[in-house]
Amino acid sequence: MIIVLSCFQGIGSLAIAQEETVQPNEQQQEASCEAHTEEKDVPVITNPIVFDEKDLNKLLEKQREYVEKHYPNYCIKGKGEEQDVMDGHRYSFFDLENEDEEWVITIRFDIEEAYQAYMKKHQKEIEREAAKLIKQGIIKIE
């Protein structure tokens, strides 16, 4: 049962990923930005503003609009979500490039509360998907 519960989080990420359609060029941009992470130390600004929004999709849209408004001289070249191993929170991030296409800054927003609300709202769907994966033998319970 513990294994199933730990899988719920991963399955929830799949549900979010399935809900959001990513264009192939965005995937390439995100992969490119991940490669940049390893190459140079880029400043990261975390939580420049906190939005009072519980709907995950609306929150992500507000965050994107904030970045575009407050960083007009930069282009969003990568975006996504990650879980910080130090504090256990989920964050959305936006990798910004200057006009020379150099990755110069990353803006991160804490989305943990909205993510948990999303997971709770979709719990039944996640449980059905987990049961299906267990039945198919993809997830094994010991």
N, C-alpha and C. Protein backbone atom coordinates (compact mmCIF):
# COMPACT_ATOMS: atom_id res chain seq x y z
N MET A 1 0.82 -1.20 0.00
CA MET A 1 0.00 0.00 0.00
C MET A 1 0.86 1.26 0.00
N ILE A 2 1.99 1.21 0.74
CA ILE A 2 2.89 2.36 0.78
C ILE A 2 3.44 2.65 -0.60
N ILE A 3 3.77 1.59 -1.32
CA ILE A 3 4.29 1.76 -2.67
C ILE A 3 3.25 2.41 -3.56
N VAL A 4 2.00 1.99 -3.44
CA VAL A 4 0.92 2.57 -4.24
C VAL A 4 0.79 4.04 -3.94
N LEU A 5 0.82 4.40 -2.67
CA LEU A 5 0.70 5.80 -2.31
C LEU A 5 1.84 6.62 -2.88
N SER A 6 3.05 6.07 -2.84
CA SER A 6 4.19 6.82 -3.40
C SER A 6 4.07 6.92 -4.91
N CYS A 7 3.41 5.97 -5.52
CA CYS A 7 3.22 6.03 -6.97
C CYS A 7 2.17 7.05 -7.36
N PHE A 8 1.24 7.35 -6.44
CA PHE A 8 0.21 8.33 -6.75
C PHE A 8 0.81 9.65 -7.17
N GLN A 9 1.85 10.06 -6.49
CA GLN A 9 2.47 11.34 -6.81
C GLN A 9 3.00 11.32 -8.24
N GLY A 10 3.66 10.23 -8.61
CA GLY A 10 4.18 10.11 -9.97
C GLY A 10 3.07 10.06 -10.99
N ILE A 11 2.00 9.35 -10.66
CA ILE A 11 0.87 9.26 -11.58
C ILE A 11 0.20 10.61 -11.71
N GLY A 12 0.15 11.37 -10.61
CA GLY A 12 -0.41 12.72 -10.67
C GLY A 12 0.39 13.59 -11.61
N SER A 13 1.70 13.43 -11.58
CA SER A 13 2.55 14.18 -12.50
C SER A 13 2.23 13.79 -13.93
N LEU A 14 1.95 12.49 -14.16
CA LEU A 14 1.57 12.05 -15.49
C LEU A 14 0.26 12.70 -15.90
N ALA A 15 -0.69 12.78 -14.97
CA ALA A 15 -1.98 13.39 -15.27
C ALA A 15 -1.80 14.84 -15.65
N ILE A 16 -0.94 15.55 -14.94
CA ILE A 16 -0.68 16.95 -15.26
C ILE A 16 -0.01 17.04 -16.61
N ALA A 17 0.95 16.16 -16.86
CA ALA A 17 1.66 16.19 -18.13
C ALA A 17 0.72 15.88 -19.28
N GLN A 18 -0.24 14.95 -19.07
CA GLN A 18 -1.18 14.63 -20.12
C GLN A 18 -2.13 15.79 -20.37
N GLU A 19 -2.45 16.53 -19.33
CA GLU A 19 -3.38 17.64 -19.45
C GLU A 19 -2.76 18.80 -20.23
N GLU A 20 -1.47 18.98 -20.07
CA GLU A 20 -0.77 20.06 -20.75
C GLU A 20 -0.11 19.49 -21.99
N THR A 21 -0.46 20.03 -23.15
CA THR A 21 0.18 19.56 -24.37
C THR A 21 1.37 20.47 -24.64
N VAL A 22 2.51 19.85 -24.82
CA VAL A 22 3.74 20.59 -25.06
C VAL A 22 4.11 20.43 -26.52
N GLN A 23 4.37 21.54 -27.20
CA GLN A 23 4.79 21.51 -28.58
C GLN A 23 6.21 20.96 -28.66
N PRO A 24 6.57 20.27 -29.74
CA PRO A 24 7.91 19.71 -29.85
C PRO A 24 9.02 20.74 -29.67
N ASN A 25 8.84 21.95 -30.20
CA ASN A 25 9.90 22.94 -30.05
C ASN A 25 10.04 23.38 -28.60
N GLU A 26 8.97 23.36 -27.82
CA GLU A 26 9.06 23.69 -26.39
C GLU A 26 9.85 22.61 -25.66
N GLN A 27 9.64 21.35 -26.07
CA GLN A 27 10.38 20.26 -25.45
C GLN A 27 11.87 20.42 -25.73
N GLN A 28 12.19 20.80 -26.95
CA GLN A 28 13.59 21.01 -27.30
C GLN A 28 14.17 22.17 -26.50
N GLN A 29 13.38 23.24 -26.35
CA GLN A 29 13.85 24.40 -25.59
C GLN A 29 14.09 24.01 -24.14
N GLU A 30 13.19 23.22 -23.55
CA GLU A 30 13.36 22.80 -22.16
C GLU A 30 14.58 21.92 -22.03
N ALA A 31 14.81 21.02 -22.98
CA ALA A 31 15.99 20.17 -22.93
C ALA A 31 17.25 21.02 -23.06
N SER A 32 17.19 22.02 -23.93
CA SER A 32 18.32 22.93 -24.11
C SER A 32 18.62 23.67 -22.81
N CYS A 33 17.57 24.12 -22.12
CA CYS A 33 17.77 24.83 -20.86
C CYS A 33 18.33 23.92 -19.79
N GLU A 34 17.92 22.64 -19.80
CA GLU A 34 18.47 21.69 -18.83
C GLU A 34 19.96 21.50 -19.07
N ALA A 35 20.36 21.50 -20.33
CA ALA A 35 21.77 21.38 -20.64
C ALA A 35 22.52 22.61 -20.14
N HIS A 36 21.88 23.77 -20.23
CA HIS A 36 22.49 25.01 -19.74
C HIS A 36 22.72 24.94 -18.24
N THR A 37 21.81 24.31 -17.50
CA THR A 37 21.94 24.23 -16.05
C THR A 37 23.28 23.61 -15.67
N GLU A 38 23.68 22.60 -16.40
CA GLU A 38 24.92 21.92 -16.09
C GLU A 38 26.14 22.75 -16.49
N GLU A 39 25.98 23.64 -17.48
CA GLU A 39 27.10 24.37 -18.01
C GLU A 39 27.49 25.59 -17.19
N LYS A 40 26.53 26.35 -16.69
CA LYS A 40 26.89 27.57 -15.97
C LYS A 40 25.95 27.82 -14.82
N ASP A 41 26.44 28.61 -13.88
CA ASP A 41 25.67 28.94 -12.69
C ASP A 41 24.78 30.15 -13.00
N VAL A 42 23.48 29.94 -13.04
CA VAL A 42 22.52 30.99 -13.38
C VAL A 42 21.78 31.42 -12.13
N PRO A 43 21.63 32.74 -11.91
CA PRO A 43 20.88 33.19 -10.73
C PRO A 43 19.43 32.71 -10.77
N VAL A 44 18.92 32.40 -9.59
CA VAL A 44 17.54 31.93 -9.47
C VAL A 44 16.81 32.85 -8.49
N ILE A 45 15.67 33.38 -8.93
CA ILE A 45 14.81 34.18 -8.06
C ILE A 45 13.63 33.30 -7.70
N THR A 46 13.42 33.09 -6.41
CA THR A 46 12.32 32.23 -5.96
C THR A 46 11.24 33.07 -5.30
N ASN A 47 10.00 32.85 -5.71
CA ASN A 47 8.82 33.52 -5.17
C ASN A 47 8.91 35.04 -5.18
N PRO A 48 9.10 35.66 -6.36
CA PRO A 48 9.12 37.12 -6.38
C PRO A 48 7.76 37.71 -6.00
N ILE A 49 6.71 36.90 -6.14
CA ILE A 49 5.36 37.29 -5.74
C ILE A 49 4.59 36.00 -5.43
N VAL A 50 3.65 36.09 -4.49
CA VAL A 50 2.82 34.94 -4.14
C VAL A 50 1.40 35.25 -4.59
N PHE A 51 0.85 34.37 -5.40
CA PHE A 51 -0.51 34.54 -5.90
C PHE A 51 -1.49 33.79 -5.01
N ASP A 52 -2.65 34.37 -4.78
CA ASP A 52 -3.70 33.72 -4.00
C ASP A 52 -4.61 32.98 -4.98
N GLU A 53 -4.10 31.88 -5.50
CA GLU A 53 -4.83 31.10 -6.49
C GLU A 53 -4.67 29.62 -6.16
N LYS A 54 -5.79 28.91 -6.05
CA LYS A 54 -5.76 27.49 -5.70
C LYS A 54 -5.82 26.58 -6.93
N ASP A 55 -6.32 27.08 -8.05
CA ASP A 55 -6.41 26.29 -9.28
C ASP A 55 -5.02 26.27 -9.94
N LEU A 56 -4.46 25.09 -10.09
CA LEU A 56 -3.09 24.95 -10.59
C LEU A 56 -2.91 25.56 -11.98
N ASN A 57 -3.83 25.29 -12.89
CA ASN A 57 -3.68 25.82 -14.25
C ASN A 57 -3.77 27.34 -14.27
N LYS A 58 -4.69 27.91 -13.50
CA LYS A 58 -4.81 29.37 -13.43
C LYS A 58 -3.56 29.97 -12.78
N LEU A 59 -3.04 29.30 -11.77
CA LEU A 59 -1.84 29.78 -11.09
C LEU A 59 -0.66 29.82 -12.05
N LEU A 60 -0.47 28.76 -12.81
CA LEU A 60 0.63 28.72 -13.77
C LEU A 60 0.49 29.81 -14.82
N GLU A 61 -0.72 30.09 -15.23
CA GLU A 61 -0.95 31.16 -16.22
C GLU A 61 -0.63 32.52 -15.62
N LYS A 62 -1.05 32.77 -14.38
CA LYS A 62 -0.74 34.03 -13.71
C LYS A 62 0.76 34.22 -13.55
N GLN A 63 1.45 33.14 -13.26
CA GLN A 63 2.90 33.21 -13.09
C GLN A 63 3.58 33.55 -14.42
N ARG A 64 3.12 32.92 -15.50
CA ARG A 64 3.67 33.22 -16.83
C ARG A 64 3.44 34.68 -17.18
N GLU A 65 2.23 35.17 -16.92
CA GLU A 65 1.93 36.58 -17.21
C GLU A 65 2.81 37.51 -16.38
N TYR A 66 3.04 37.16 -15.12
CA TYR A 66 3.91 37.96 -14.25
C TYR A 66 5.32 38.05 -14.84
N VAL A 67 5.86 36.91 -15.24
CA VAL A 67 7.21 36.89 -15.80
C VAL A 67 7.28 37.73 -17.06
N GLU A 68 6.31 37.59 -17.94
CA GLU A 68 6.31 38.36 -19.19
C GLU A 68 6.20 39.86 -18.92
N LYS A 69 5.41 40.24 -17.91
CA LYS A 69 5.22 41.66 -17.59
C LYS A 69 6.45 42.27 -16.91
N HIS A 70 7.04 41.56 -15.96
CA HIS A 70 8.12 42.12 -15.15
C HIS A 70 9.52 41.87 -15.71
N TYR A 71 9.63 41.02 -16.72
CA TYR A 71 10.91 40.75 -17.35
C TYR A 71 10.76 40.87 -18.87
N PRO A 72 10.33 42.07 -19.34
CA PRO A 72 10.02 42.23 -20.76
C PRO A 72 11.24 42.14 -21.68
N ASN A 73 12.43 42.33 -21.16
CA ASN A 73 13.63 42.28 -21.99
C ASN A 73 14.17 40.87 -22.17
N TYR A 74 13.47 39.89 -21.60
CA TYR A 74 13.92 38.51 -21.69
C TYR A 74 12.85 37.66 -22.37
N CYS A 75 13.30 36.56 -22.91
CA CYS A 75 12.41 35.61 -23.59
C CYS A 75 12.35 34.33 -22.75
N ILE A 76 11.14 33.80 -22.58
CA ILE A 76 10.99 32.53 -21.87
C ILE A 76 11.42 31.41 -22.82
N LYS A 77 12.49 30.74 -22.47
CA LYS A 77 13.01 29.67 -23.32
C LYS A 77 12.80 28.29 -22.71
N GLY A 78 12.46 28.23 -21.47
CA GLY A 78 12.18 26.95 -20.83
C GLY A 78 11.22 27.17 -19.69
N LYS A 79 10.33 26.22 -19.49
CA LYS A 79 9.40 26.29 -18.37
C LYS A 79 9.02 24.88 -17.98
N GLY A 80 8.62 24.74 -16.73
CA GLY A 80 8.23 23.42 -16.27
C GLY A 80 7.99 23.40 -14.79
N GLU A 81 8.01 22.20 -14.24
CA GLU A 81 7.80 22.01 -12.81
C GLU A 81 8.87 21.09 -12.29
N GLU A 82 9.22 21.29 -11.02
CA GLU A 82 10.23 20.45 -10.38
C GLU A 82 9.92 20.35 -8.90
N GLN A 83 10.43 19.31 -8.27
CA GLN A 83 10.28 19.17 -6.83
C GLN A 83 11.64 19.40 -6.20
N ASP A 84 11.71 20.31 -5.25
CA ASP A 84 12.95 20.63 -4.56
C ASP A 84 13.21 19.57 -3.50
N VAL A 85 14.33 18.90 -3.59
CA VAL A 85 14.64 17.83 -2.63
C VAL A 85 14.95 18.38 -1.25
N MET A 86 15.35 19.64 -1.16
CA MET A 86 15.69 20.22 0.13
C MET A 86 14.45 20.52 0.98
N ASP A 87 13.45 21.14 0.36
CA ASP A 87 12.26 21.51 1.15
C ASP A 87 11.03 20.68 0.79
N GLY A 88 11.11 19.83 -0.23
CA GLY A 88 10.00 18.95 -0.59
C GLY A 88 8.87 19.65 -1.32
N HIS A 89 9.01 20.92 -1.62
CA HIS A 89 7.95 21.65 -2.32
C HIS A 89 8.10 21.52 -3.82
N ARG A 90 6.95 21.64 -4.50
CA ARG A 90 6.95 21.67 -5.96
C ARG A 90 7.03 23.13 -6.38
N TYR A 91 7.78 23.36 -7.45
CA TYR A 91 7.96 24.70 -7.99
C TYR A 91 7.73 24.69 -9.49
N SER A 92 7.17 25.79 -9.99
CA SER A 92 7.17 26.01 -11.42
C SER A 92 8.40 26.87 -11.68
N PHE A 93 8.95 26.76 -12.87
CA PHE A 93 10.11 27.59 -13.19
C PHE A 93 10.03 28.11 -14.61
N PHE A 94 10.68 29.25 -14.81
CA PHE A 94 10.77 29.89 -16.11
C PHE A 94 12.23 30.25 -16.33
N ASP A 95 12.84 29.68 -17.37
CA ASP A 95 14.22 30.01 -17.72
C ASP A 95 14.17 31.14 -18.74
N LEU A 96 14.87 32.22 -18.45
CA LEU A 96 14.83 33.40 -19.30
C LEU A 96 16.16 33.61 -20.02
N GLU A 97 16.06 34.00 -21.28
CA GLU A 97 17.24 34.28 -22.09
C GLU A 97 17.22 35.74 -22.54
N ASN A 98 18.41 36.29 -22.74
CA ASN A 98 18.50 37.65 -23.25
C ASN A 98 18.45 37.64 -24.77
N GLU A 99 18.64 38.81 -25.39
CA GLU A 99 18.54 38.90 -26.85
C GLU A 99 19.64 38.14 -27.57
N ASP A 100 20.74 37.84 -26.87
CA ASP A 100 21.84 37.05 -27.45
C ASP A 100 21.62 35.55 -27.26
N GLU A 101 20.42 35.19 -26.82
CA GLU A 101 20.04 33.80 -26.56
C GLU A 101 20.91 33.15 -25.50
N GLU A 102 21.36 33.95 -24.53
CA GLU A 102 22.10 33.43 -23.39
C GLU A 102 21.13 33.28 -22.23
N TRP A 103 21.16 32.12 -21.60
CA TRP A 103 20.32 31.86 -20.44
C TRP A 103 20.88 32.67 -19.29
N VAL A 104 20.09 33.60 -18.74
CA VAL A 104 20.62 34.54 -17.75
C VAL A 104 19.97 34.45 -16.38
N ILE A 105 18.75 33.93 -16.30
CA ILE A 105 18.07 33.91 -15.00
C ILE A 105 16.95 32.88 -15.02
N THR A 106 16.65 32.35 -13.84
CA THR A 106 15.51 31.44 -13.67
C THR A 106 14.60 32.02 -12.60
N ILE A 107 13.32 32.06 -12.88
CA ILE A 107 12.32 32.51 -11.91
C ILE A 107 11.54 31.28 -11.47
N ARG A 108 11.46 31.06 -10.14
CA ARG A 108 10.74 29.90 -9.58
C ARG A 108 9.61 30.38 -8.69
N PHE A 109 8.50 29.67 -8.76
CA PHE A 109 7.34 29.95 -7.91
C PHE A 109 6.95 28.68 -7.18
N ASP A 110 6.64 28.80 -5.90
CA ASP A 110 6.17 27.67 -5.10
C ASP A 110 4.73 27.37 -5.52
N ILE A 111 4.48 26.14 -5.95
CA ILE A 111 3.13 25.75 -6.38
C ILE A 111 2.61 24.59 -5.53
N GLU A 112 3.24 24.32 -4.41
CA GLU A 112 2.90 23.16 -3.60
C GLU A 112 1.43 23.12 -3.21
N GLU A 113 0.91 24.21 -2.71
CA GLU A 113 -0.47 24.23 -2.23
C GLU A 113 -1.46 23.95 -3.37
N ALA A 114 -1.26 24.59 -4.51
CA ALA A 114 -2.14 24.38 -5.66
C ALA A 114 -1.97 22.95 -6.21
N TYR A 115 -0.75 22.45 -6.18
CA TYR A 115 -0.49 21.09 -6.64
C TYR A 115 -1.21 20.07 -5.76
N GLN A 116 -1.15 20.26 -4.45
CA GLN A 116 -1.84 19.36 -3.53
C GLN A 116 -3.35 19.41 -3.74
N ALA A 117 -3.88 20.61 -3.99
CA ALA A 117 -5.32 20.75 -4.25
C ALA A 117 -5.68 20.03 -5.55
N TYR A 118 -4.83 20.14 -6.55
CA TYR A 118 -5.04 19.45 -7.81
C TYR A 118 -5.07 17.94 -7.59
N MET A 119 -4.08 17.45 -6.82
CA MET A 119 -3.99 16.01 -6.55
C MET A 119 -5.24 15.53 -5.80
N LYS A 120 -5.69 16.30 -4.83
CA LYS A 120 -6.87 15.91 -4.05
C LYS A 120 -8.11 15.87 -4.96
N LYS A 121 -8.23 16.86 -5.82
CA LYS A 121 -9.37 16.94 -6.73
C LYS A 121 -9.40 15.75 -7.69
N HIS A 122 -8.23 15.28 -8.09
CA HIS A 122 -8.14 14.20 -9.07
C HIS A 122 -7.77 12.85 -8.43
N GLN A 123 -7.96 12.73 -7.14
CA GLN A 123 -7.56 11.52 -6.41
C GLN A 123 -8.20 10.25 -6.98
N LYS A 124 -9.49 10.28 -7.26
CA LYS A 124 -10.17 9.09 -7.77
C LYS A 124 -9.58 8.67 -9.12
N GLU A 125 -9.33 9.63 -9.97
CA GLU A 125 -8.73 9.34 -11.27
C GLU A 125 -7.33 8.71 -11.08
N ILE A 126 -6.58 9.24 -10.15
CA ILE A 126 -5.24 8.74 -9.87
C ILE A 126 -5.32 7.31 -9.33
N GLU A 127 -6.26 7.05 -8.43
CA GLU A 127 -6.43 5.71 -7.87
C GLU A 127 -6.81 4.71 -8.96
N ARG A 128 -7.70 5.11 -9.88
CA ARG A 128 -8.08 4.22 -10.99
C ARG A 128 -6.86 3.91 -11.86
N GLU A 129 -6.08 4.93 -12.15
CA GLU A 129 -4.89 4.73 -12.98
C GLU A 129 -3.88 3.83 -12.27
N ALA A 130 -3.70 4.01 -10.96
CA ALA A 130 -2.78 3.16 -10.19
C ALA A 130 -3.26 1.71 -10.21
N ALA A 131 -4.57 1.50 -10.02
CA ALA A 131 -5.12 0.14 -10.04
C ALA A 131 -4.89 -0.50 -11.40
N LYS A 132 -5.06 0.27 -12.45
CA LYS A 132 -4.84 -0.22 -13.81
C LYS A 132 -3.37 -0.63 -14.00
N LEU A 133 -2.43 0.20 -13.51
CA LEU A 133 -1.01 -0.11 -13.63
C LEU A 133 -0.62 -1.33 -12.80
N ILE A 134 -1.25 -1.50 -11.65
CA ILE A 134 -1.00 -2.68 -10.81
C ILE A 134 -1.52 -3.92 -11.53
N LYS A 135 -2.72 -3.82 -12.09
CA LYS A 135 -3.32 -4.96 -12.79
C LYS A 135 -2.47 -5.36 -14.01
N GLN A 136 -1.89 -4.38 -14.68
CA GLN A 136 -1.04 -4.65 -15.84
C GLN A 136 0.35 -5.15 -15.45
N GLY A 137 0.64 -5.08 -14.15
CA GLY A 137 1.94 -5.54 -13.70
C GLY A 137 3.04 -4.50 -13.79
N ILE A 138 2.70 -3.29 -14.16
CA ILE A 138 3.69 -2.21 -14.26
C ILE A 138 4.15 -1.79 -12.87
N ILE A 139 3.21 -1.76 -11.93
CA ILE A 139 3.52 -1.47 -10.53
C ILE A 139 3.32 -2.77 -9.75
N LYS A 140 4.31 -3.12 -8.99
CA LYS A 140 4.22 -4.35 -8.20
C LYS A 140 4.12 -4.00 -6.73
N ILE A 141 3.23 -4.68 -6.02
CA ILE A 141 3.07 -4.49 -4.57
C ILE A 141 3.71 -5.66 -3.87
N GLU A 142 4.59 -5.36 -2.95
CA GLU A 142 5.28 -6.43 -2.23
C GLU A 142 4.72 -6.61 -0.85
